[in-house]
Amino acid sequence: MLIYQDAQVRHYWLVNPDEKSLECFALRGGVYALVASGMDEEVVEHPDFPELVIDLGPL
């Protein structure tokens, strides 16, 4: 994560298929902030991508 942060990659997402989780981080003030997350059957909506809705159930 720090490598991407240092390179100023604006978004960093972690998908864990074993835990059935999604964490979405966005670069805010030079550091990553968790802006959206979900687990199991939840639906995740990212504030920077208002048209994107991710249903974790099928994943």
Protein backbone atom coordinates (compact mmCIF):
# COMPACT_ATOMS: atom_id res chain seq x y z
CA MET A 1 0.00 0.00 0.00
CA LEU A 2 2.81 2.42 0.83
CA ILE A 3 4.38 1.94 -2.60
CA TYR A 4 1.11 2.99 -4.26
CA GLN A 5 0.69 5.85 -1.80
CA ASP A 6 4.20 7.15 -2.52
CA ALA A 7 3.46 6.91 -6.26
CA GLN A 8 0.25 8.92 -5.68
CA VAL A 9 -2.06 6.20 -7.04
CA ARG A 10 -5.47 7.73 -6.33
CA HIS A 11 -7.38 4.54 -5.51
CA TYR A 12 -6.35 1.29 -3.86
CA TRP A 13 -8.77 -1.60 -3.41
CA LEU A 14 -8.30 -4.79 -1.44
CA VAL A 15 -10.42 -7.81 -2.32
CA ASN A 16 -10.17 -10.82 -0.03
CA PRO A 17 -12.05 -13.79 -1.48
CA ASP A 18 -11.43 -15.92 1.62
CA GLU A 19 -13.03 -13.38 3.95
CA LYS A 20 -15.48 -12.24 1.26
CA SER A 21 -14.54 -8.61 1.84
CA LEU A 22 -13.80 -5.47 -0.15
CA GLU A 23 -12.01 -2.37 1.14
CA CYS A 24 -11.73 0.77 -0.98
CA PHE A 25 -9.13 3.36 -0.12
CA ALA A 26 -8.75 6.79 -1.72
CA LEU A 27 -5.79 9.13 -1.53
CA ARG A 28 -6.75 12.06 0.70
CA GLY A 29 -4.11 14.60 1.65
CA GLY A 30 -1.31 12.31 0.51
CA VAL A 31 -2.43 9.30 2.59
CA TYR A 32 -4.99 6.57 2.03
CA ALA A 33 -8.35 6.79 3.76
CA LEU A 34 -10.90 3.99 3.85
CA VAL A 35 -13.89 5.36 1.92
CA ALA A 36 -16.00 2.23 1.37
CA SER A 37 -16.05 -1.37 2.50
CA GLY A 38 -18.26 -4.42 2.68
CA MET A 39 -18.43 -8.10 3.52
CA ASP A 40 -20.40 -11.20 2.59
CA GLU A 41 -23.65 -10.24 0.81
CA GLU A 42 -23.36 -6.45 1.21
CA VAL A 43 -23.52 -3.93 -1.60
CA VAL A 44 -20.62 -1.47 -1.78
CA GLU A 45 -20.97 2.03 -3.19
CA HIS A 46 -17.81 4.09 -3.66
CA PRO A 47 -18.25 7.86 -3.13
CA ASP A 48 -15.87 8.75 -5.97
CA PHE A 49 -17.70 6.52 -8.47
CA PRO A 50 -21.42 7.24 -7.95
CA GLU A 51 -22.56 5.01 -10.81
CA LEU A 52 -20.60 2.00 -9.55
CA VAL A 53 -22.47 -0.41 -7.28
CA ILE A 54 -20.74 -3.66 -6.33
CA ASP A 55 -22.88 -6.53 -5.07
CA LEU A 56 -20.49 -8.77 -3.14
CA GLY A 57 -22.89 -11.73 -3.05
CA PRO A 58 -22.03 -13.11 -6.50
CA LEU A 59 -18.32 -12.62 -5.94
